[in-house]
Every structure is written in C-alpha cells, then in structure tokens.
Amino acid sequence: MLISTSRKPSQKTRKFCKNFAHATGSVSINRGKMNMREILLKALYEEEVNLAIVNEIKGNPSRITFYSNEGELLLIMLITASTSNNRLNISPSKLKIVSEISKLNCLSDILGFELVDSADENYIHITSGDESSLAKINFINKFGEETDFQINIKKIIDEL
C-alpha cells in the first residue's frame, strides 16, 4: 500500500504516515504538489495495490481515505492517533489482523493481511472503542507487547 499525506502536512501527520507505513510494510511519500492522478500513477509505479491518503485538521491526522490503485474509493475513517518515537519492532511480512469489529474486517483486504481469530504476537488488534471512539486499532509487536502507536476510529463514513 502507498501512504501519502494531504498537501502541506504537519510534522505530526508526516510522523503518523511513517509509523503507519513502517507498521504495515507500506511505502510512505509526501504528497507535495502532486494531484490525485499523479499519486495513483505513483502507486502503480511502486506496484502497490491500494493507496491511503491521510488528511489533517489543525496539524493532527484526522481522516484516512483508502483507494484502490485504480482510484476506486474503498473506505473513509475519521480518526485520532497517537504516534510513537520508539522503535515499533513489528515484522510486516508476518503481520495478521485480529478484529472484534466486523465492520472493519475489510481492513484485512485493504491492508493485505490475513484475518485471524487470535494471535500472540505481531498483529493488528481492532477492538471496541470507548465513548469517544467507535474502535481502536492497536499494533502488537513481535514480543507480544502493545506499541505506543494507536489509531482511534471516531466514525466510518464509507466502506466497501
């Protein structure tokens, strides 16, 4: 998957994209002056199947929009996020998804990871959120520890 920012991203949004790319084994690029067509062409050039655009509000990541590399809208999530300065220690080649929210099982197809019922290490854990969020996405490293990198999903706008 190719991960890109909105135009003129803040440092926090760029850091989020780098953490997200590292955790999922994706490619992260800064958008700069590229339009959507140029980003889609870059995804095809990089031989990436899907594309994620991270938008921000007041310098914080606020929305992730997933597209196929043909420009088809797959999913829009309104989010808040916490990034990490520490090494994530995730091996993307062995990553799996454990989801307790069936509405988000589509992330398995979008991100390209196997959906399993349980795992001990190296997985993305999607759980119910609290009163301020619909769901939480936690990244569990190869030691079975939860990392500081977390995505809180406030709302799902569009899905497959």
Protein backbone atom coordinates (compact mmCIF):
# COMPACT_ATOMS: atom_id res chain seq x y z
CA MET A 1 0.00 0.00 0.00
CA LEU A 2 1.15 3.52 -0.74
CA ILE A 3 0.55 6.01 2.09
CA SER A 4 0.54 9.72 1.34
CA THR A 5 -0.31 12.93 3.13
CA SER A 6 -2.56 15.82 2.26
CA ARG A 7 -0.83 18.90 0.88
CA LYS A 8 1.48 20.77 3.26
CA PRO A 9 1.26 18.22 6.10
CA SER A 10 2.33 18.99 9.65
CA GLN A 11 5.25 17.19 11.24
CA LYS A 12 2.82 15.14 13.33
CA THR A 13 0.96 13.92 10.22
CA ARG A 14 4.23 13.04 8.46
CA LYS A 15 5.32 11.08 11.56
CA PHE A 16 1.96 9.27 11.66
CA CYS A 17 2.35 8.27 8.00
CA LYS A 18 5.89 6.99 8.60
CA ASN A 19 4.75 4.96 11.65
CA PHE A 20 1.76 3.58 9.72
CA ALA A 21 3.98 2.69 6.75
CA HIS A 22 6.59 1.04 8.96
CA ALA A 23 3.99 -0.97 10.89
CA THR A 24 2.29 -2.24 7.73
CA GLY A 25 5.31 -2.61 5.45
CA SER A 26 3.97 0.08 3.14
CA VAL A 27 5.61 2.87 1.19
CA SER A 28 5.13 6.42 2.53
CA ILE A 29 5.53 9.52 0.37
CA ASN A 30 4.94 13.20 0.99
CA ARG A 31 2.37 14.50 -1.44
CA GLY A 32 3.87 17.89 -2.19
CA LYS A 33 2.19 19.36 -5.26
CA MET A 34 1.05 16.01 -6.69
CA ASN A 35 -2.62 15.79 -7.63
CA MET A 36 -4.68 12.65 -7.12
CA ARG A 37 -3.93 11.32 -10.62
CA GLU A 38 -0.18 11.64 -10.04
CA ILE A 39 -0.46 9.84 -6.69
CA LEU A 40 -2.39 6.99 -8.35
CA LEU A 41 0.28 6.77 -11.06
CA LYS A 42 2.96 6.68 -8.32
CA ALA A 43 1.07 3.79 -6.65
CA LEU A 44 1.04 1.90 -9.97
CA TYR A 45 4.74 2.67 -10.49
CA GLU A 46 5.55 1.36 -6.99
CA GLU A 47 3.38 -1.72 -7.80
CA GLU A 48 1.16 -1.01 -4.78
CA VAL A 49 -2.39 -2.36 -4.83
CA ASN A 50 -4.02 0.26 -2.59
CA LEU A 51 -3.49 3.85 -1.59
CA ALA A 52 -4.15 5.65 1.72
CA ILE A 53 -4.40 9.44 1.94
CA VAL A 54 -4.05 10.90 5.44
CA ASN A 55 -5.73 14.28 5.93
CA GLU A 56 -5.36 16.54 8.93
CA ILE A 57 -7.22 19.13 10.98
CA LYS A 58 -5.20 21.69 12.95
CA GLY A 59 -2.00 19.74 12.33
CA ASN A 60 -3.30 16.37 13.58
CA PRO A 61 -4.16 13.29 11.48
CA SER A 62 -7.97 13.31 11.21
CA ARG A 63 -9.01 11.12 8.28
CA ILE A 64 -7.68 8.17 6.33
CA THR A 65 -9.17 7.59 2.89
CA PHE A 66 -8.34 4.28 1.23
CA TYR A 67 -8.43 3.90 -2.57
CA SER A 68 -7.60 1.09 -4.95
CA ASN A 69 -4.75 1.92 -7.34
CA GLU A 70 -7.45 2.44 -9.98
CA GLY A 71 -8.97 5.31 -7.98
CA GLU A 72 -11.97 3.39 -6.56
CA LEU A 73 -12.94 4.58 -3.06
CA LEU A 74 -12.68 1.70 -0.56
CA LEU A 75 -13.06 3.18 2.93
CA ILE A 76 -13.06 6.52 4.78
CA MET A 77 -12.34 6.65 8.51
CA LEU A 78 -12.37 9.70 10.77
CA ILE A 79 -9.57 9.19 13.28
CA THR A 80 -7.40 10.48 16.06
CA ALA A 81 -3.97 8.96 16.52
CA SER A 82 -1.04 8.65 18.85
CA THR A 83 2.36 8.22 17.25
CA SER A 84 5.49 6.66 18.66
CA ASN A 85 9.07 7.83 18.92
CA ASN A 86 10.15 4.33 19.92
CA ARG A 87 11.02 1.51 17.56
CA LEU A 88 7.83 -0.45 16.79
CA ASN A 89 9.53 -3.89 16.44
CA ILE A 90 6.87 -5.13 14.03
CA SER A 91 7.60 -7.59 11.25
CA PRO A 92 5.12 -6.64 8.47
CA SER A 93 5.78 -9.82 6.49
CA LYS A 94 4.27 -11.89 9.34
CA LEU A 95 1.56 -9.41 10.37
CA LYS A 96 -2.04 -10.56 10.88
CA ILE A 97 -5.26 -8.81 11.85
CA VAL A 98 -7.41 -9.74 14.83
CA SER A 99 -10.71 -7.84 14.62
CA GLU A 100 -13.53 -7.68 17.14
CA ILE A 101 -15.43 -5.23 14.91
CA SER A 102 -16.90 -7.00 11.87
CA LYS A 103 -17.46 -3.66 10.11
CA LEU A 104 -13.66 -3.24 9.99
CA ASN A 105 -12.83 -6.72 8.68
CA CYS A 106 -12.45 -5.05 5.28
CA LEU A 107 -9.10 -3.67 6.53
CA SER A 108 -7.74 -7.18 6.03
CA ASP A 109 -8.34 -6.90 2.27
CA ILE A 110 -7.27 -3.25 2.08
CA LEU A 111 -4.02 -3.73 4.00
CA GLY A 112 -3.39 -7.20 2.57
CA PHE A 113 -3.08 -9.12 5.85
CA GLU A 114 -4.73 -12.36 6.91
CA LEU A 115 -7.73 -12.03 9.25
CA VAL A 116 -7.41 -14.48 12.17
CA ASP A 117 -9.39 -15.15 15.35
CA SER A 118 -6.42 -14.77 17.69
CA ALA A 119 -2.66 -14.20 17.70
CA ASP A 120 0.07 -13.93 20.32
CA GLU A 121 2.46 -11.59 18.56
CA ASN A 122 2.94 -9.39 15.52
CA TYR A 123 -0.66 -8.42 14.80
CA ILE A 124 -3.04 -5.52 14.41
CA HIS A 125 -5.73 -5.66 17.09
CA ILE A 126 -9.03 -3.93 16.30
CA THR A 127 -11.19 -3.55 19.42
CA SER A 128 -14.26 -1.65 20.55
CA GLY A 129 -13.58 1.93 21.48
CA ASP A 130 -14.74 3.99 24.40
CA GLU A 131 -17.42 6.72 24.45
CA SER A 132 -15.32 8.97 22.20
CA SER A 133 -14.45 6.39 19.54
CA LEU A 134 -16.09 3.59 17.57
CA ALA A 135 -12.99 1.39 17.57
CA LYS A 136 -9.28 1.31 18.39
CA ILE A 137 -6.51 -0.11 16.28
CA ASN A 138 -3.51 -1.24 18.32
CA PHE A 139 -0.30 -2.64 16.92
CA ILE A 140 1.15 -5.60 18.84
CA ASN A 141 4.85 -6.16 18.19
CA LYS A 142 6.87 -9.35 17.72
CA PHE A 143 7.36 -9.59 21.51
CA GLY A 144 3.59 -9.62 22.13
CA GLU A 145 3.67 -6.07 23.55
CA GLU A 146 1.30 -3.26 22.60
CA THR A 147 3.17 -0.39 20.94
CA ASP A 148 2.59 3.33 21.58
CA PHE A 149 1.26 3.69 18.02
CA GLN A 150 -2.55 3.63 18.08
CA ILE A 151 -5.39 4.73 15.81
CA ASN A 152 -8.75 5.66 17.32
CA ILE A 153 -11.60 5.44 14.81
CA LYS A 154 -14.28 8.01 15.53
CA LYS A 155 -16.51 7.24 12.54
CA ILE A 156 -16.62 5.16 9.37
CA ILE A 157 -18.00 7.25 6.54
CA ASP A 158 -17.82 4.87 3.59
CA GLU A 159 -16.96 1.21 3.23
CA LEU A 160 -16.60 -1.50 0.55
